């Protein structure tokens, strides 16, 4: 999983170090994919081979002539960069991606479960405030999925987390 938030900057050669926990979430792979997020937020979205496999499987289930499939394929595969980390975990983001995200020097890596986002810091802070408010206003959205997971027995018990509890 990609978790947490890291603020960093491009070095003099335009490279950036991928956070160590994100490198670990890639399962030891040195390849990652990055593209402009499709939600219009102005950030970059990225992940490794695992995320791309999910997109491949999802899109393969859609009819080849489906206009939605074509739009998603274009947004992800046509606009993405296939990046390889160097031995120290650095990548070089292409100029067109930096421009799409409004990144000049500083940037924020933000974990997003099965993917991560790369933000220009002021855009990230505005998005962060918006999401905090949305989470506060929509607490009940978790109720039904939680109850379904409980009923299906898909939630770990408190004791299974190594706490020695019940």
Protein backbone atom coordinates (compact mmCIF):
# COMPACT_ATOMS: atom_id res chain seq x y z
CA UNK A 1 0.00 0.00 0.00
CA UNK A 2 1.06 3.54 -0.66
CA UNK A 3 0.55 5.51 2.54
CA UNK A 4 1.65 8.83 4.01
CA UNK A 5 2.72 12.14 2.50
CA UNK A 6 6.23 13.30 1.64
CA UNK A 7 7.25 16.78 0.54
CA UNK A 8 10.45 16.91 -1.46
CA UNK A 9 12.02 18.69 -4.43
CA UNK A 10 13.59 18.04 -7.78
CA UNK A 11 17.38 18.03 -7.65
CA UNK A 12 19.64 20.11 -9.92
CA UNK A 13 19.33 17.47 -12.67
CA UNK A 14 15.52 17.36 -12.44
CA UNK A 15 15.40 14.04 -10.57
CA UNK A 16 13.39 13.23 -7.46
CA UNK A 17 13.78 10.45 -4.93
CA UNK A 18 10.75 8.21 -4.64
CA UNK A 19 9.99 7.83 -0.91
CA UNK A 20 11.42 4.61 0.55
CA UNK A 21 8.01 3.36 1.68
CA UNK A 22 6.67 3.86 -1.85
CA UNK A 23 9.60 1.91 -3.27
CA UNK A 24 8.73 -0.87 -0.80
CA UNK A 25 5.09 -0.75 -1.92
CA UNK A 26 6.29 -1.39 -5.46
CA UNK A 27 7.44 -4.80 -4.21
CA UNK A 28 11.08 -4.26 -5.01
CA UNK A 29 10.42 -3.37 -8.61
CA UNK A 30 12.21 -0.42 -10.14
CA UNK A 31 9.54 0.38 -12.72
CA UNK A 32 6.68 2.77 -12.19
CA UNK A 33 4.12 4.51 -14.33
CA UNK A 34 2.95 8.10 -13.97
CA UNK A 35 0.23 10.05 -15.84
CA UNK A 36 -1.98 13.13 -15.30
CA UNK A 37 -4.82 12.17 -12.95
CA UNK A 38 -8.10 11.71 -14.81
CA UNK A 39 -10.20 13.39 -12.12
CA UNK A 40 -9.20 16.92 -13.10
CA UNK A 41 -7.47 17.56 -9.78
CA UNK A 42 -4.25 18.71 -11.43
CA UNK A 43 -1.96 16.09 -9.91
CA UNK A 44 -0.12 13.12 -11.34
CA UNK A 45 -1.22 9.58 -10.58
CA UNK A 46 1.13 6.65 -10.48
CA UNK A 47 1.80 3.11 -9.47
CA UNK A 48 3.69 0.01 -10.42
CA UNK A 49 3.06 -3.08 -12.50
CA UNK A 50 0.32 -4.20 -10.10
CA UNK A 51 -1.79 -1.09 -10.70
CA UNK A 52 -1.28 -1.29 -14.44
CA UNK A 53 -2.41 -4.92 -14.36
CA UNK A 54 -5.65 -3.82 -12.68
CA UNK A 55 -6.23 -1.24 -15.40
CA UNK A 56 -5.39 -3.77 -18.15
CA UNK A 57 -7.82 -6.32 -16.69
CA UNK A 58 -10.56 -3.75 -16.18
CA UNK A 59 -10.26 -2.28 -19.66
CA UNK A 60 -9.98 -5.72 -21.29
CA UNK A 61 -13.46 -6.51 -19.93
CA UNK A 62 -14.91 -3.58 -21.88
CA UNK A 63 -15.84 -3.92 -25.55
CA UNK A 64 -13.06 -2.70 -27.86
CA UNK A 65 -15.53 -0.27 -29.45
CA UNK A 66 -16.74 1.17 -26.12
CA UNK A 67 -16.02 4.92 -26.16
CA UNK A 68 -15.40 4.85 -22.40
CA UNK A 69 -12.71 2.21 -22.85
CA UNK A 70 -11.06 4.30 -25.52
CA UNK A 71 -11.13 7.44 -23.34
CA UNK A 72 -9.64 5.64 -20.32
CA UNK A 73 -6.99 3.92 -22.43
CA UNK A 74 -6.03 7.27 -23.90
CA UNK A 75 -5.95 9.01 -20.50
CA UNK A 76 -3.82 6.31 -18.88
CA UNK A 77 -1.68 4.59 -21.49
CA UNK A 78 -1.17 7.39 -24.00
CA UNK A 79 -0.38 10.05 -21.43
CA UNK A 80 1.73 7.94 -19.06
CA UNK A 81 5.46 7.73 -18.67
CA UNK A 82 7.10 4.36 -18.02
CA UNK A 83 9.85 5.29 -15.56
CA UNK A 84 12.72 3.28 -14.13
CA UNK A 85 14.22 4.20 -10.79
CA UNK A 86 17.98 4.40 -10.59
CA UNK A 87 19.95 2.50 -7.92
CA UNK A 88 19.22 5.21 -5.33
CA UNK A 89 15.46 5.31 -6.03
CA UNK A 90 15.40 8.46 -8.14
CA UNK A 91 13.26 9.11 -11.20
CA UNK A 92 13.13 11.88 -13.75
CA UNK A 93 9.61 13.10 -14.42
CA UNK A 94 9.17 14.19 -18.04
CA UNK A 95 8.62 17.90 -18.67
CA UNK A 96 5.08 17.36 -19.99
CA UNK A 97 4.05 15.70 -16.71
CA UNK A 98 5.68 18.38 -14.57
CA UNK A 99 3.85 21.00 -16.61
CA UNK A 100 0.52 19.15 -16.34
CA UNK A 101 0.84 19.15 -12.54
CA UNK A 102 2.20 22.68 -12.26
CA UNK A 103 5.39 21.41 -10.63
CA UNK A 104 8.44 23.63 -10.89
CA UNK A 105 10.75 22.53 -8.05
CA UNK A 106 8.92 21.32 -4.93
CA UNK A 107 6.46 18.46 -4.98
CA UNK A 108 4.45 16.21 -2.70
CA UNK A 109 4.16 12.43 -2.94
CA UNK A 110 0.82 11.38 -1.43
CA UNK A 111 -0.11 7.77 -0.81
CA UNK A 112 -3.51 6.67 -2.08
CA UNK A 113 -3.85 2.98 -1.16
CA UNK A 114 -3.09 1.09 -4.41
CA UNK A 115 -1.56 4.13 -6.13
CA UNK A 116 0.12 7.40 -5.32
CA UNK A 117 -0.24 10.99 -6.42
CA UNK A 118 2.38 13.63 -7.09
CA UNK A 119 1.29 17.19 -6.41
CA UNK A 120 2.52 20.73 -6.62
CA UNK A 121 2.46 21.67 -2.88
CA UNK A 122 -0.13 24.47 -2.95
CA UNK A 123 -2.48 22.31 -5.06
CA UNK A 124 -1.99 19.47 -2.60
CA UNK A 125 -2.78 21.62 0.43
CA UNK A 126 -6.00 22.91 -1.19
CA UNK A 127 -6.99 19.33 -2.11
CA UNK A 128 -6.11 18.11 1.39
CA UNK A 129 -8.41 20.68 2.99
CA UNK A 130 -11.22 19.79 0.59
CA UNK A 131 -10.85 16.06 1.29
CA UNK A 132 -10.71 16.59 5.07
CA UNK A 133 -14.01 18.47 4.87
CA UNK A 134 -15.57 15.81 2.62
CA UNK A 135 -14.51 13.05 5.05
CA UNK A 136 -15.95 14.99 7.98
CA UNK A 137 -19.27 15.51 6.20
CA UNK A 138 -19.59 11.92 4.96
CA UNK A 139 -18.69 9.72 7.93
CA UNK A 140 -21.73 7.52 7.34
CA UNK A 141 -20.44 6.45 3.90
CA UNK A 142 -18.29 3.83 5.67
CA UNK A 143 -21.19 2.28 7.57
CA UNK A 144 -22.60 -0.04 4.88
CA UNK A 145 -19.25 -1.37 3.58
CA UNK A 146 -18.10 -1.95 7.17
CA UNK A 147 -21.27 -3.83 8.07
CA UNK A 148 -21.01 -5.97 4.93
CA UNK A 149 -17.38 -6.83 5.70
CA UNK A 150 -18.32 -7.71 9.28
CA UNK A 151 -21.19 -9.93 8.13
CA UNK A 152 -18.91 -11.69 5.64
CA UNK A 153 -16.22 -12.21 8.29
CA UNK A 154 -13.72 -10.17 6.27
CA UNK A 155 -12.42 -8.02 9.10
CA UNK A 156 -9.43 -9.10 11.18
CA UNK A 157 -10.06 -9.57 14.87
CA UNK A 158 -8.41 -7.20 17.29
CA UNK A 159 -6.24 -10.02 18.64
CA UNK A 160 -4.90 -11.04 15.23
CA UNK A 161 -2.93 -7.80 14.90
CA UNK A 162 -0.36 -9.08 17.38
CA UNK A 163 -1.74 -7.10 20.27
CA UNK A 164 -2.46 -10.16 22.33
CA UNK A 165 -6.00 -8.88 22.81
CA UNK A 166 -9.33 -10.61 22.47
